[in-house]
Structure formats: structure tokens, C-alpha cells
Amino acid sequence: MKLKFMLWVLFFSFLSSTLQAQEGKRIYPIAFYNLENLFDTEDDPAINDEEFTPNGANAWTLGKYEQKVGQMARAIRAIGSPTSSSGPAVLGVCELENRKVLEDLVANPQLRALDLGIVHYDSPDRRGVDVALLYKKELFKPFNERAYRYVHPTDTSFRTRDQLLVSGTLAGDTLHIIVNHWPSRYGAKSSTLREHAASITKGICDSLYAEQPQAKIIIMGDLNDDPTNNSVKEVLQAKKNIAEVPEQGLFNTMWKFYDKGIGSLSYQGQWNLFDQIIISKPLLDNPNQGLRYLRSEVFNRDFLIQQEGRNKGYPLRTFLSGVFINGFSDHFPTLIYLVK
């Protein structure tokens, strides 16, 4: 207990010195969160959502849904604290069923005052889960958006989530944000699916760089791979160290946490860091004194953690062994802080 107290003292001392060093500047949290199956209770015949209905396997009632929305709102409002007391400026999300659940989420009393905007497209995923972007309307001003369809090079029947590109201005700078939820690890050859997803993301980045050589790009998402896997390390070529990032290259802000054994989710007792935020070199060099990268974080606060039982220390999720426990998500949020 004493060790934990000392660690928190050191953390807040570091945070205080960081904020003092940025005196006169404003810090903007930019985050990503896997919402772990934020489904409404209605049966949509176009997708496989039967388990999230009142008569389905999860007995997904209106009461449970409303509790889930409330818990998601509570977590989102806390992201970035104590640096920010009102949640992230921009938040990418995944594992949500439709726009309706997002509208319910941003209308929750815990988030309503933040006046969050929504960018969302329905994707062809068989379970119906999508990606989306939430943003504070007073801070981020979208001016372009596009959903990139995942087209498998050989299996045209394969369906998964789109990749969402949203371009907008924050603090007078243009940001290009790509929200991802790459194919799962189901199947022996699933790595090739994620490598193809990475090639789509890389193509978006290359196109942005071609139009704007100093493009400020933020790639975020549940990549279903760690920083060291081929999709991220080789296809995206996201680097571990800032000094290694070439011109028009990418820096993986999460890799250092992975090396320390810090993850965003756990499976069979092993930590993974699938929820990554990767940024372009102009957010590091920042020759024009615009927005620049300050630091990153896995947002693993105590209230988001299972405090007892065999899953102690892991994310406090919505269901445990098929039983509704009114948690949050099986993933921790991740975020970066930009400063200007």
C-alpha cells in the first residue's frame, strides 16, 4: 500500500512539473476507447445482434443497456484526468452498433454539457459493430470525412469494419484522424487480414502526405495486434523511438508501454496493447509552433479495474463468465496529449 502511495506521489509530481513546463499553453487529450459491445436492445435482422436482445443469450434489457451507457459516459468523462477535467477533445470509439447508441451516449447527463459531435457510418461488419469519432464541438471542427471499405484481395465475402478518416481543425491546426478496428485474431491465418488492413491505413497516410507533405496524422484504434506485430511494425512501419522516424514516417506512442508490460486488455493471463495511437512526424518536429505531441498514456485508473477474484487487475468488463457485472469495457482507453 505504501509503495502504491509513493508511485502516485511520483506520478503527480511528474505531472505537475510537466504542466508547469507548459505554462501558458493548452493541452488537448486525444483518445481512443473500445466500448465493448455497446448494442441497443432491438433485434436488427440485417446483422447478428440476437445475443444483445431481451430474449437473447445476454438477456440484454433496457435496464442493462442504460447502465452500460451510463458507465461508458462515466469513463469517457474521466479520460485525461487530472490533466483535463472534462474528457478528451477528440475520442475515437469502436464496438458500437449504430448511431442511435452514440446519440444516447452523448445525451447522457454525464456528457451532455460537453456538447459532443458525432461522425459515424454504418459498416458491413456481420455483427454490426462500427467505428466512430466523438468530438467537442467548441474545439474540433471537422471539414471532411470518409469511410474506407475493407476489400479483401481474394475473399470478396469477407466483411469487417470500415476505416474512418476525419479531417478537421483543432487549435488552428489541421488534424487527420483515422479510426480503426482491424479484423480479430480468430483463425490461424488472421494475421494476413490485419496486414491488409494496415496496408489500407498506410495508403490513406501516403495519400494525405502526397497532398500535404507536413500532414498531421493520428492513427488510432483497436488493431488486434501489438506494436511488435508485422501489421504495425512492418506494414505501417510505425517506429518505437522518435529518433527513428523518417520524413513522412510514423511514431507509435504506445510501444514504450508494451515493452514495460503495460497493456490495454488481457487474454488468458497475458497483457496485449491492441489499442494504439500512432502519429505522423510533423506532430513531433513541429517547426511552425503548432500542435505537438507531449506524452501518451494507457488510462488504467482504479475504477476501471477488476478489484477482486480471478480477474483481479484486469479491465472491469460488462459481463464476466456470462454474468452481467455492470462494468465498463474489456479494454482500457488509450490517449495522447497534444499541446499548443
Protein backbone atom coordinates (compact mmCIF):
# COMPACT_ATOMS: atom_id res chain seq x y z
CA MET A 1 0.00 0.00 0.00
CA LYS A 2 2.88 2.34 0.90
CA LEU A 3 4.61 1.56 -2.42
CA LYS A 4 1.40 2.34 -4.32
CA PHE A 5 1.11 5.67 -2.48
CA MET A 6 4.69 6.58 -3.34
CA LEU A 7 4.11 5.73 -7.00
CA TRP A 8 1.10 8.06 -7.12
CA VAL A 9 3.15 10.82 -5.45
CA LEU A 10 5.84 10.41 -8.10
CA PHE A 11 3.22 10.40 -10.89
CA PHE A 12 1.57 13.60 -9.74
CA SER A 13 4.97 15.23 -9.16
CA PHE A 14 5.89 14.40 -12.76
CA LEU A 15 2.53 15.65 -13.98
CA SER A 16 2.87 18.89 -12.02
CA SER A 17 6.32 19.55 -13.46
CA THR A 18 5.06 18.75 -16.97
CA LEU A 19 2.18 21.18 -16.62
CA GLN A 20 4.44 23.87 -15.19
CA ALA A 21 6.74 23.43 -18.20
CA GLN A 22 3.71 24.02 -20.43
CA GLU A 23 2.58 27.14 -18.58
CA GLY A 24 0.80 29.47 -20.93
CA LYS A 25 -0.04 26.64 -23.34
CA ARG A 26 -3.15 24.49 -23.62
CA ILE A 27 -3.15 20.71 -23.51
CA TYR A 28 -5.60 18.67 -25.61
CA PRO A 29 -6.27 14.99 -24.78
CA ILE A 30 -6.90 12.85 -27.89
CA ALA A 31 -8.16 9.37 -27.02
CA PHE A 32 -9.43 6.01 -28.23
CA TYR A 33 -11.80 3.61 -26.46
CA ASN A 34 -13.20 0.19 -27.35
CA LEU A 35 -16.72 0.35 -25.86
CA GLU A 36 -17.10 -3.46 -25.70
CA ASN A 37 -20.36 -4.23 -27.43
CA LEU A 38 -22.41 -1.08 -26.98
CA PHE A 39 -25.59 -2.53 -28.51
CA ASP A 40 -29.16 -1.35 -28.18
CA THR A 41 -31.86 -3.87 -27.24
CA GLU A 42 -33.62 -4.11 -30.63
CA ASP A 43 -33.13 -7.03 -32.99
CA ASP A 44 -31.75 -5.81 -36.31
CA PRO A 45 -32.42 -8.53 -38.90
CA ALA A 46 -29.54 -7.29 -41.08
CA ILE A 47 -26.85 -8.17 -38.51
CA ASN A 48 -26.00 -10.84 -35.94
CA ASP A 49 -27.09 -8.99 -32.81
CA GLU A 50 -29.52 -11.52 -31.32
CA GLU A 51 -27.47 -12.07 -28.15
CA PHE A 52 -27.98 -8.38 -27.30
CA THR A 53 -31.77 -8.52 -27.15
CA PRO A 54 -34.07 -9.13 -24.16
CA ASN A 55 -34.59 -12.76 -25.22
CA GLY A 56 -31.01 -13.32 -26.32
CA ALA A 57 -28.11 -15.04 -24.58
CA ASN A 58 -27.20 -11.90 -22.63
CA ALA A 59 -30.79 -11.09 -21.65
CA TRP A 60 -29.99 -7.58 -22.82
CA THR A 61 -32.77 -5.49 -21.27
CA LEU A 62 -33.34 -1.75 -21.41
CA GLY A 63 -32.13 -1.50 -17.81
CA LYS A 64 -28.82 -3.17 -18.60
CA TYR A 65 -28.40 -1.04 -21.72
CA GLU A 66 -28.97 2.17 -19.78
CA GLN A 67 -26.48 1.09 -17.13
CA LYS A 68 -23.94 0.31 -19.85
CA VAL A 69 -24.41 3.75 -21.44
CA GLY A 70 -24.01 5.38 -18.03
CA GLN A 71 -20.79 3.51 -17.33
CA MET A 72 -19.36 4.39 -20.74
CA ALA A 73 -20.24 8.05 -20.16
CA ARG A 74 -18.58 7.98 -16.73
CA ALA A 75 -15.38 6.52 -18.18
CA ILE A 76 -15.27 8.96 -21.11
CA ARG A 77 -15.80 11.97 -18.85
CA ALA A 78 -12.80 10.83 -16.77
CA ILE A 79 -10.39 10.22 -19.65
CA GLY A 80 -7.46 12.59 -19.37
CA SER A 81 -7.97 13.48 -15.71
CA PRO A 82 -6.39 15.14 -13.82
CA THR A 83 -4.85 17.00 -16.80
CA SER A 84 -8.33 17.56 -18.23
CA SER A 85 -11.46 17.68 -16.10
CA SER A 86 -13.93 17.36 -18.97
CA GLY A 87 -12.86 14.41 -21.06
CA PRO A 88 -10.95 14.29 -24.34
CA ALA A 89 -11.16 16.90 -27.07
CA VAL A 90 -11.47 14.11 -29.63
CA LEU A 91 -12.34 10.46 -29.00
CA GLY A 92 -12.29 7.56 -31.44
CA VAL A 93 -14.54 4.65 -30.47
CA CYS A 94 -15.28 1.14 -31.70
CA GLU A 95 -17.58 -1.83 -30.96
CA LEU A 96 -20.78 0.18 -31.15
CA GLU A 97 -23.87 -0.95 -33.01
CA ASN A 98 -25.23 2.19 -34.65
CA ARG A 99 -25.67 5.94 -34.48
CA LYS A 100 -28.55 5.61 -32.02
CA VAL A 101 -26.31 4.24 -29.26
CA LEU A 102 -23.89 7.12 -29.84
CA GLU A 103 -26.73 9.64 -29.60
CA ASP A 104 -27.83 8.04 -26.33
CA LEU A 105 -24.24 8.16 -25.09
CA VAL A 106 -23.57 11.84 -25.80
CA ALA A 107 -27.02 12.73 -24.37
CA ASN A 108 -26.21 11.05 -21.04
CA PRO A 109 -26.20 13.63 -18.21
CA GLN A 110 -22.51 12.96 -17.55
CA LEU A 111 -21.60 14.03 -21.10
CA ARG A 112 -24.42 16.31 -22.20
CA ALA A 113 -22.71 19.53 -21.15
CA LEU A 114 -19.66 18.68 -23.27
CA ASP A 115 -21.76 19.12 -26.45
CA LEU A 116 -20.13 16.25 -28.34
CA GLY A 117 -20.47 15.87 -32.09
CA ILE A 118 -20.62 12.51 -33.88
CA VAL A 119 -19.07 11.21 -37.09
CA HIS A 120 -20.36 7.72 -37.90
CA TYR A 121 -21.02 5.44 -40.86
CA ASP A 122 -22.64 2.00 -40.81
CA SER A 123 -20.10 -0.63 -41.79
CA PRO A 124 -20.71 -4.05 -43.39
CA ASP A 125 -19.45 -5.98 -40.35
CA ARG A 126 -21.57 -9.09 -39.81
CA ARG A 127 -22.09 -8.33 -36.11
CA GLY A 128 -22.93 -4.76 -36.99
CA VAL A 129 -20.19 -3.12 -34.95
CA ASP A 130 -18.78 0.15 -36.26
CA VAL A 131 -16.15 2.77 -35.56
CA ALA A 132 -16.91 6.43 -34.94
CA LEU A 133 -15.46 9.73 -33.80
CA LEU A 134 -16.80 11.90 -31.00
CA TYR A 135 -15.53 15.44 -30.58
CA LYS A 136 -16.10 18.60 -28.60
CA LYS A 137 -17.82 20.96 -31.00
CA GLU A 138 -16.24 24.01 -29.38
CA LEU A 139 -12.72 22.66 -30.03
CA PHE A 140 -12.64 20.40 -33.09
CA LYS A 141 -14.17 21.48 -36.41
CA PRO A 142 -14.50 18.65 -38.95
CA PHE A 143 -14.41 19.71 -42.60
CA ASN A 144 -14.01 16.35 -44.36
CA GLU A 145 -14.90 12.75 -43.60
CA ARG A 146 -14.76 9.45 -45.44
CA ALA A 147 -15.27 5.77 -44.69
CA TYR A 148 -12.78 3.41 -46.38
CA ARG A 149 -14.23 -0.01 -47.09
CA TYR A 150 -12.14 -3.11 -46.33
CA VAL A 151 -11.99 -5.13 -49.53
CA HIS A 152 -10.20 -8.45 -49.17
CA PRO A 153 -7.85 -9.14 -52.09
CA THR A 154 -9.13 -12.71 -52.66
CA ASP A 155 -12.16 -13.37 -50.42
CA THR A 156 -14.87 -10.94 -51.53
CA SER A 157 -17.31 -12.39 -48.97
CA PHE A 158 -15.18 -11.25 -46.03
CA ARG A 159 -16.77 -8.33 -44.20
CA THR A 160 -15.37 -6.19 -41.42
CA ARG A 161 -15.31 -2.63 -40.13
CA ASP A 162 -14.59 0.38 -42.32
CA GLN A 163 -11.70 2.73 -41.56
CA LEU A 164 -12.93 6.23 -40.78
CA LEU A 165 -10.94 9.30 -41.82
CA VAL A 166 -11.98 12.62 -40.32
CA SER A 167 -10.10 15.82 -41.12
CA GLY A 168 -10.70 18.90 -39.02
CA THR A 169 -9.12 21.81 -37.22
CA LEU A 170 -8.08 21.92 -33.58
CA ALA A 171 -6.46 25.00 -32.09
CA GLY A 172 -5.96 26.39 -35.59
CA ASP A 173 -4.13 23.29 -36.85
CA THR A 174 -5.45 20.67 -39.28
CA LEU A 175 -5.54 17.11 -37.97
CA HIS A 176 -6.30 13.98 -39.99
CA ILE A 177 -7.65 11.25 -37.70
CA ILE A 178 -8.02 7.64 -38.86
CA VAL A 179 -10.18 5.44 -36.60
CA ASN A 180 -9.67 1.67 -36.90
CA HIS A 181 -10.94 -1.66 -35.66
CA TRP A 182 -8.92 -4.25 -37.54
CA PRO A 183 -10.02 -7.89 -38.03
CA SER A 184 -9.96 -10.14 -34.98
CA ARG A 185 -7.46 -12.87 -34.16
CA TYR A 186 -9.97 -15.58 -34.91
CA GLY A 187 -8.44 -18.16 -37.27
CA ALA A 188 -4.92 -19.41 -37.94
CA LYS A 189 -4.29 -17.00 -40.83
CA SER A 190 -5.94 -13.93 -39.36
CA SER A 191 -2.65 -12.02 -39.29
CA THR A 192 -2.84 -11.61 -43.07
CA LEU A 193 -6.23 -9.90 -42.66
CA ARG A 194 -4.75 -7.34 -40.30
CA GLU A 195 -1.73 -6.83 -42.52
CA HIS A 196 -4.13 -5.98 -45.34
CA ALA A 197 -5.97 -3.58 -43.00
CA ALA A 198 -2.61 -1.96 -42.20
CA SER A 199 -1.93 -1.53 -45.92
CA ILE A 200 -5.24 0.35 -46.25
CA THR A 201 -4.26 2.65 -43.36
CA LYS A 202 -0.79 3.14 -44.87
CA GLY A 203 -2.38 4.03 -48.20
CA ILE A 204 -4.54 6.69 -46.53
CA CYS A 205 -1.45 8.18 -44.87
CA ASP A 206 0.51 8.17 -48.12
CA SER A 207 -2.34 9.97 -49.88
CA LEU A 208 -2.51 12.59 -47.13
CA TYR A 209 1.24 13.12 -47.25
CA ALA A 210 1.12 13.42 -51.05
CA GLU A 211 -1.40 16.26 -50.77
CA GLN A 212 0.19 17.86 -47.72
CA PRO A 213 3.85 16.90 -47.01
CA GLN A 214 3.55 18.17 -43.43
CA ALA A 215 0.22 16.47 -42.70
CA LYS A 216 -0.52 15.93 -39.02
CA ILE A 217 -1.99 12.43 -38.89
CA ILE A 218 -3.30 10.46 -35.92
CA ILE A 219 -3.98 6.74 -36.41
CA MET A 220 -5.97 5.25 -33.55
CA GLY A 221 -7.85 2.06 -32.93
CA ASP A 222 -8.16 -1.48 -31.70
CA LEU A 223 -5.68 -3.03 -34.12
CA ASN A 224 -5.99 -6.56 -32.68
CA ASP A 225 -2.19 -6.61 -32.89
CA ASP A 226 0.60 -5.40 -30.63
CA PRO A 227 3.21 -2.79 -31.59
CA THR A 228 5.70 -5.54 -32.48
CA ASN A 229 3.43 -7.45 -34.88
CA ASN A 230 4.04 -7.29 -38.62
CA SER A 231 0.92 -5.27 -39.40
CA VAL A 232 2.07 -2.38 -37.22
CA LYS A 233 5.86 -2.70 -37.24
CA GLU A 234 6.44 -3.71 -40.87
CA VAL A 235 3.40 -2.67 -42.92
CA LEU A 236 2.70 0.64 -41.17
CA GLN A 237 6.38 0.97 -40.27
CA ALA A 238 5.43 2.69 -37.02
CA LYS A 239 8.64 3.29 -35.10
CA LYS A 240 9.45 2.67 -31.47
CA ASN A 241 11.67 5.70 -30.94
CA ILE A 242 11.14 9.28 -32.09
CA ALA A 243 14.70 9.47 -33.37
CA GLU A 244 14.00 6.60 -35.79
CA VAL A 245 11.03 8.28 -37.52
CA PRO A 246 11.94 9.29 -41.09
CA GLU A 247 10.38 12.10 -43.08
CA GLN A 248 6.71 11.28 -43.68
CA GLY A 249 7.09 8.42 -41.22
CA LEU A 250 5.08 7.32 -38.19
CA PHE A 251 5.75 7.08 -34.43
CA ASN A 252 3.98 4.54 -32.21
CA THR A 253 3.21 6.38 -28.97
CA MET A 254 2.22 3.12 -27.23
CA TRP A 255 5.27 0.93 -27.87
CA LYS A 256 7.14 2.00 -24.71
CA PHE A 257 4.21 0.84 -22.56
CA TYR A 258 4.16 -2.53 -24.27
CA ASP A 259 7.87 -3.00 -23.53
CA LYS A 260 7.11 -2.38 -19.85
CA GLY A 261 4.36 -4.99 -19.79
CA ILE A 262 1.56 -2.42 -19.68
CA GLY A 263 -1.43 -3.37 -21.82
CA SER A 264 -4.90 -2.19 -22.72
CA LEU A 265 -6.51 -5.64 -22.45
CA SER A 266 -5.69 -9.09 -21.14
CA TYR A 267 -6.40 -12.50 -22.65
CA GLN A 268 -5.68 -15.79 -20.88
CA GLY A 269 -3.46 -14.04 -18.36
CA GLN A 270 -1.36 -12.16 -20.93
CA TRP A 271 -1.41 -8.41 -21.47
CA ASN A 272 -1.81 -7.06 -25.00
CA LEU A 273 -1.69 -3.49 -26.21
CA PHE A 274 -4.06 -3.59 -29.18
CA ASP A 275 -5.43 -0.08 -28.56
CA GLN A 276 -2.76 2.06 -30.15
CA ILE A 277 -2.28 5.68 -31.16
CA ILE A 278 0.26 6.32 -33.90
CA ILE A 279 1.21 9.78 -35.10
CA SER A 280 2.99 11.38 -38.05
CA LYS A 281 6.37 13.10 -37.85
CA PRO A 282 5.05 16.69 -38.14
CA LEU A 283 3.42 16.25 -34.71
CA LEU A 284 6.91 15.54 -33.36
CA ASP A 285 9.05 18.11 -35.17
CA ASN A 286 6.53 20.94 -35.18
CA PRO A 287 8.70 23.60 -36.83
CA ASN A 288 5.82 26.09 -37.02
CA GLN A 289 4.96 26.05 -33.30
CA GLY A 290 1.59 24.42 -33.92
CA LEU A 291 0.11 21.42 -32.13
CA ARG A 292 2.75 18.97 -31.00
CA TYR A 293 2.92 15.66 -29.16
CA LEU A 294 3.54 15.90 -25.41
CA ARG A 295 3.05 12.41 -23.99
CA SER A 296 0.87 9.30 -24.08
CA GLU A 297 -0.99 7.15 -21.57
CA VAL A 298 -2.88 3.92 -21.02
CA PHE A 299 -5.82 5.18 -18.97
CA ASN A 300 -5.96 2.35 -16.41
CA ARG A 301 -7.46 4.10 -13.39
CA ASP A 302 -8.58 2.03 -10.39
CA PHE A 303 -12.31 2.40 -11.05
CA LEU A 304 -11.84 0.72 -14.46
CA ILE A 305 -10.05 -2.28 -12.93
CA GLN A 306 -11.44 -5.54 -11.51
CA GLN A 307 -10.53 -5.36 -7.83
CA GLU A 308 -11.05 -8.97 -6.77
CA GLY A 309 -11.44 -12.52 -7.99
CA ARG A 310 -9.51 -14.43 -10.63
CA ASN A 311 -9.57 -11.43 -12.98
CA LYS A 312 -8.19 -9.03 -10.39
CA GLY A 313 -6.12 -6.32 -12.05
CA TYR A 314 -7.76 -6.71 -15.46
CA PRO A 315 -10.26 -4.31 -17.08
CA LEU A 316 -13.65 -4.35 -15.34
CA ARG A 317 -15.86 -5.52 -18.17
CA THR A 318 -19.62 -5.62 -18.72
CA PHE A 319 -20.01 -9.40 -18.41
CA LEU A 320 -17.89 -11.92 -16.52
CA SER A 321 -18.41 -15.60 -17.33
CA GLY A 322 -21.79 -14.74 -18.82
CA VAL A 323 -22.95 -12.76 -15.78
CA PHE A 324 -23.74 -9.05 -16.05
CA ILE A 325 -21.46 -7.23 -13.56
CA ASN A 326 -22.13 -3.66 -14.74
CA GLY A 327 -18.50 -2.89 -15.52
CA PHE A 328 -17.13 -0.76 -18.30
CA SER A 329 -15.16 -2.47 -21.06
CA ASP A 330 -12.68 -5.29 -21.54
CA HIS A 331 -10.28 -2.62 -22.86
CA PHE A 332 -8.69 0.38 -21.19
CA PRO A 333 -8.80 3.69 -23.06
CA THR A 334 -5.54 4.99 -24.50
CA LEU A 335 -4.68 8.61 -25.22
CA ILE A 336 -2.10 11.15 -26.20
CA TYR A 337 -1.77 14.75 -25.13
CA LEU A 338 -1.15 17.47 -27.72
CA VAL A 339 0.00 20.90 -26.64
CA LYS A 340 -0.03 24.33 -28.24
